[in-house]
């Protein structure tokens, strides 16, 4: 009977841990603002990824204007992630990889949109590629204190 109670307790604890609610993009961005500099890039990138999920859903629902605002938020979060990664000198590789993934997903979304709705997404993709270039330049620069 005691073993059954222990297993039941372990099951309850594990369910509570896995049932934690995911944070929204805005909540992650707020956490990032108050986090230490070396943790900010990851939080901003998670916020961008969450916003990307929301934006994709909005495009699928046909809410193009709201999705356009989401695309702008994604680029803002990616800007902040890039800036904090470059300032801290940490998480540069991770930031570059995550921004590449976000750009790829935006590219996939762009191909599903009508020609008139593609412009903001295309602009965002180009901006994300510029951010990746900045990160790569910082990663491979000879002067690491830049």
C-alpha atoms as a PDB file:
ATOM      1  CA  UNK A   1       0.000   0.000   0.000  1.00  0.00           C
ATOM      2  CA  UNK A   2       2.869   2.364   0.806  1.00  0.00           C
ATOM      3  CA  UNK A   3       4.446   1.777  -2.611  1.00  0.00           C
ATOM      4  CA  UNK A   4       1.134   2.583  -4.280  1.00  0.00           C
ATOM      5  CA  UNK A   5       0.959   5.882  -2.373  1.00  0.00           C
ATOM      6  CA  UNK A   6       4.515   6.771  -3.394  1.00  0.00           C
ATOM      7  CA  UNK A   7       3.757   6.048  -7.058  1.00  0.00           C
ATOM      8  CA  UNK A   8       0.591   8.097  -6.839  1.00  0.00           C
ATOM      9  CA  UNK A   9       2.538  10.997  -5.329  1.00  0.00           C
ATOM     10  CA  UNK A  10       5.201  10.784  -8.057  1.00  0.00           C
ATOM     11  CA  UNK A  11       2.513  10.717 -10.725  1.00  0.00           C
ATOM     12  CA  UNK A  12       0.830  13.790  -9.258  1.00  0.00           C
ATOM     13  CA  UNK A  13       4.120  15.704  -9.082  1.00  0.00           C
ATOM     14  CA  UNK A  14       5.087  14.804 -12.647  1.00  0.00           C
ATOM     15  CA  UNK A  15       1.661  15.817 -13.967  1.00  0.00           C
ATOM     16  CA  UNK A  16       1.958  19.192 -12.245  1.00  0.00           C
ATOM     17  CA  UNK A  17       5.363  19.776 -13.792  1.00  0.00           C
ATOM     18  CA  UNK A  18       4.187  18.881 -17.295  1.00  0.00           C
ATOM     19  CA  UNK A  19       0.921  20.773 -16.981  1.00  0.00           C
ATOM     20  CA  UNK A  20       2.607  24.139 -16.587  1.00  0.00           C
ATOM     21  CA  UNK A  21       1.147  26.666 -18.966  1.00  0.00           C
ATOM     22  CA  UNK A  22       3.324  28.003 -21.765  1.00  0.00           C
ATOM     23  CA  UNK A  23       4.020  31.689 -21.600  1.00  0.00           C
ATOM     24  CA  UNK A  24       2.817  34.027 -24.301  1.00  0.00           C
ATOM     25  CA  UNK A  25       5.227  36.013 -26.445  1.00  0.00           C
ATOM     26  CA  UNK A  26       4.484  39.211 -24.528  1.00  0.00           C
ATOM     27  CA  UNK A  27       5.137  37.511 -21.184  1.00  0.00           C
ATOM     28  CA  UNK A  28       8.433  36.098 -22.456  1.00  0.00           C
ATOM     29  CA  UNK A  29       9.470  39.544 -23.715  1.00  0.00           C
ATOM     30  CA  UNK A  30       8.678  41.078 -20.330  1.00  0.00           C
ATOM     31  CA  UNK A  31      10.747  38.387 -18.621  1.00  0.00           C
ATOM     32  CA  UNK A  32      13.580  39.055 -21.039  1.00  0.00           C
ATOM     33  CA  UNK A  33      13.670  42.764 -20.204  1.00  0.00           C
ATOM     34  CA  UNK A  34      14.341  42.032 -16.547  1.00  0.00           C
ATOM     35  CA  UNK A  35      16.601  39.006 -17.111  1.00  0.00           C
ATOM     36  CA  UNK A  36      20.409  39.122 -17.030  1.00  0.00           C
ATOM     37  CA  UNK A  37      21.982  40.111 -20.346  1.00  0.00           C
ATOM     38  CA  UNK A  38      23.270  36.618 -21.152  1.00  0.00           C
ATOM     39  CA  UNK A  39      19.767  35.103 -20.779  1.00  0.00           C
ATOM     40  CA  UNK A  40      17.920  37.720 -22.796  1.00  0.00           C
ATOM     41  CA  UNK A  41      18.655  36.345 -26.299  1.00  0.00           C
ATOM     42  CA  UNK A  42      17.028  32.988 -25.533  1.00  0.00           C
ATOM     43  CA  UNK A  43      13.938  34.598 -24.041  1.00  0.00           C
ATOM     44  CA  UNK A  44      13.515  36.974 -26.976  1.00  0.00           C
ATOM     45  CA  UNK A  45      13.935  34.093 -29.417  1.00  0.00           C
ATOM     46  CA  UNK A  46      11.316  32.059 -27.558  1.00  0.00           C
ATOM     47  CA  UNK A  47       9.009  35.090 -27.734  1.00  0.00           C
ATOM     48  CA  UNK A  48       9.622  35.319 -31.486  1.00  0.00           C
ATOM     49  CA  UNK A  49       8.876  31.610 -31.915  1.00  0.00           C
ATOM     50  CA  UNK A  50       5.621  31.920 -29.941  1.00  0.00           C
ATOM     51  CA  UNK A  51       4.632  34.974 -31.970  1.00  0.00           C
ATOM     52  CA  UNK A  52       5.400  33.029 -35.147  1.00  0.00           C
ATOM     53  CA  UNK A  53       2.969  30.279 -34.104  1.00  0.00           C
ATOM     54  CA  UNK A  54       0.292  32.883 -33.439  1.00  0.00           C
ATOM     55  CA  UNK A  55       0.988  34.684 -36.710  1.00  0.00           C
ATOM     56  CA  UNK A  56       0.806  31.459 -38.694  1.00  0.00           C
ATOM     57  CA  UNK A  57      -2.565  30.689 -37.126  1.00  0.00           C
ATOM     58  CA  UNK A  58      -3.804  34.197 -37.972  1.00  0.00           C
ATOM     59  CA  UNK A  59      -2.755  33.827 -41.613  1.00  0.00           C
ATOM     60  CA  UNK A  60      -4.523  30.458 -41.729  1.00  0.00           C
ATOM     61  CA  UNK A  61      -7.676  32.134 -40.397  1.00  0.00           C
ATOM     62  CA  UNK A  62      -7.433  34.858 -43.043  1.00  0.00           C
ATOM     63  CA  UNK A  63      -6.713  37.668 -40.580  1.00  0.00           C
ATOM     64  CA  UNK A  64      -4.009  39.288 -42.693  1.00  0.00           C
ATOM     65  CA  UNK A  65      -3.767  42.660 -40.920  1.00  0.00           C
ATOM     66  CA  UNK A  66      -3.421  41.100 -37.464  1.00  0.00           C
ATOM     67  CA  UNK A  67      -0.870  38.643 -38.845  1.00  0.00           C
ATOM     68  CA  UNK A  68       1.077  41.570 -40.326  1.00  0.00           C
ATOM     69  CA  UNK A  69       1.339  43.041 -36.829  1.00  0.00           C
ATOM     70  CA  UNK A  70       2.618  39.664 -35.665  1.00  0.00           C
ATOM     71  CA  UNK A  71       5.301  39.685 -38.354  1.00  0.00           C
ATOM     72  CA  UNK A  72       6.465  43.096 -37.108  1.00  0.00           C
ATOM     73  CA  UNK A  73       6.581  41.731 -33.539  1.00  0.00           C
ATOM     74  CA  UNK A  74       8.673  38.787 -34.715  1.00  0.00           C
ATOM     75  CA  UNK A  75      11.232  41.107 -36.284  1.00  0.00           C
ATOM     76  CA  UNK A  76      11.262  43.287 -33.146  1.00  0.00           C
ATOM     77  CA  UNK A  77      11.953  40.274 -30.930  1.00  0.00           C
ATOM     78  CA  UNK A  78      14.628  39.042 -33.339  1.00  0.00           C
ATOM     79  CA  UNK A  79      16.241  42.514 -33.300  1.00  0.00           C
ATOM     80  CA  UNK A  80      16.349  42.493 -29.520  1.00  0.00           C
ATOM     81  CA  UNK A  81      17.728  38.943 -29.450  1.00  0.00           C
ATOM     82  CA  UNK A  82      20.454  39.880 -31.919  1.00  0.00           C
ATOM     83  CA  UNK A  83      21.382  43.058 -30.065  1.00  0.00           C
ATOM     84  CA  UNK A  84      21.578  41.349 -26.686  1.00  0.00           C
ATOM     85  CA  UNK A  85      23.535  38.400 -28.103  1.00  0.00           C
ATOM     86  CA  UNK A  86      26.069  40.735 -29.706  1.00  0.00           C
ATOM     87  CA  UNK A  87      26.345  42.897 -26.587  1.00  0.00           C
ATOM     88  CA  UNK A  88      26.840  39.919 -24.293  1.00  0.00           C
ATOM     89  CA  UNK A  89      28.960  37.912 -26.714  1.00  0.00           C
ATOM     90  CA  UNK A  90      27.036  34.817 -25.612  1.00  0.00           C
ATOM     91  CA  UNK A  91      24.462  32.642 -27.371  1.00  0.00           C
ATOM     92  CA  UNK A  92      25.533  33.967 -30.784  1.00  0.00           C
ATOM     93  CA  UNK A  93      25.386  30.580 -32.478  1.00  0.00           C
ATOM     94  CA  UNK A  94      22.042  29.701 -30.937  1.00  0.00           C
ATOM     95  CA  UNK A  95      20.600  33.082 -31.936  1.00  0.00           C
ATOM     96  CA  UNK A  96      21.764  32.640 -35.528  1.00  0.00           C
ATOM     97  CA  UNK A  97      20.285  29.142 -35.741  1.00  0.00           C
ATOM     98  CA  UNK A  98      16.935  30.161 -34.257  1.00  0.00           C
ATOM     99  CA  UNK A  99      16.653  33.218 -36.507  1.00  0.00           C
ATOM    100  CA  UNK A 100      17.388  30.991 -39.517  1.00  0.00           C
ATOM    101  CA  UNK A 101      14.597  28.622 -38.447  1.00  0.00           C
ATOM    102  CA  UNK A 102      12.176  31.526 -38.031  1.00  0.00           C
ATOM    103  CA  UNK A 103      13.135  32.906 -41.468  1.00  0.00           C
ATOM    104  CA  UNK A 104      12.583  29.479 -43.020  1.00  0.00           C
ATOM    105  CA  UNK A 105       9.144  29.159 -41.455  1.00  0.00           C
ATOM    106  CA  UNK A 106       8.235  32.670 -42.589  1.00  0.00           C
ATOM    107  CA  UNK A 107       9.383  31.728 -46.084  1.00  0.00           C
ATOM    108  CA  UNK A 108       7.068  28.713 -45.986  1.00  0.00           C
ATOM    109  CA  UNK A 109       4.213  30.934 -44.834  1.00  0.00           C
ATOM    110  CA  UNK A 110       4.987  33.457 -47.575  1.00  0.00           C
ATOM    111  CA  UNK A 111       4.471  30.827 -50.279  1.00  0.00           C
ATOM    112  CA  UNK A 112       0.956  30.120 -49.005  1.00  0.00           C
ATOM    113  CA  UNK A 113      -0.126  33.770 -49.195  1.00  0.00           C
ATOM    114  CA  UNK A 114      -1.571  35.710 -52.099  1.00  0.00           C
ATOM    115  CA  UNK A 115       0.839  38.000 -53.919  1.00  0.00           C
ATOM    116  CA  UNK A 116      -0.629  41.136 -52.285  1.00  0.00           C
ATOM    117  CA  UNK A 117      -0.115  39.743 -48.770  1.00  0.00           C
ATOM    118  CA  UNK A 118       3.471  38.583 -49.293  1.00  0.00           C
ATOM    119  CA  UNK A 119       5.252  41.963 -49.059  1.00  0.00           C
ATOM    120  CA  UNK A 120       5.484  42.307 -45.241  1.00  0.00           C
ATOM    121  CA  UNK A 121       6.602  38.705 -44.873  1.00  0.00           C
ATOM    122  CA  UNK A 122       9.242  39.099 -47.577  1.00  0.00           C
ATOM    123  CA  UNK A 123      10.536  42.266 -45.906  1.00  0.00           C
ATOM    124  CA  UNK A 124      10.714  40.455 -42.569  1.00  0.00           C
ATOM    125  CA  UNK A 125      12.623  37.547 -44.112  1.00  0.00           C
ATOM    126  CA  UNK A 126      15.163  39.936 -45.644  1.00  0.00           C
ATOM    127  CA  UNK A 127      15.542  41.704 -42.302  1.00  0.00           C
ATOM    128  CA  UNK A 128      16.086  38.390 -40.503  1.00  0.00           C
ATOM    129  CA  UNK A 129      18.758  37.475 -43.046  1.00  0.00           C
ATOM    130  CA  UNK A 130      20.491  40.791 -42.308  1.00  0.00           C
ATOM    131  CA  UNK A 131      20.397  39.950 -38.599  1.00  0.00           C
ATOM    132  CA  UNK A 132      21.923  36.553 -39.306  1.00  0.00           C
ATOM    133  CA  UNK A 133      24.687  38.250 -41.274  1.00  0.00           C
ATOM    134  CA  UNK A 134      25.411  40.545 -38.321  1.00  0.00           C
ATOM    135  CA  UNK A 135      25.563  37.572 -35.965  1.00  0.00           C
ATOM    136  CA  UNK A 136      27.842  35.604 -38.264  1.00  0.00           C
ATOM    137  CA  UNK A 137      30.112  38.626 -38.718  1.00  0.00           C
ATOM    138  CA  UNK A 138      30.371  38.948 -34.935  1.00  0.00           C
ATOM    139  CA  UNK A 139      30.982  35.214 -34.489  1.00  0.00           C
ATOM    140  CA  UNK A 140      33.813  35.124 -37.003  1.00  0.00           C
ATOM    141  CA  UNK A 141      35.352  38.526 -36.421  1.00  0.00           C
ATOM    142  CA  UNK A 142      39.000  38.632 -35.437  1.00  0.00           C
ATOM    143  CA  UNK A 143      38.272  41.252 -32.796  1.00  0.00           C
ATOM    144  CA  UNK A 144      36.046  39.421 -30.293  1.00  0.00           C
ATOM    145  CA  UNK A 145      35.528  42.526 -28.148  1.00  0.00           C
ATOM    146  CA  UNK A 146      33.651  44.354 -30.902  1.00  0.00           C
END
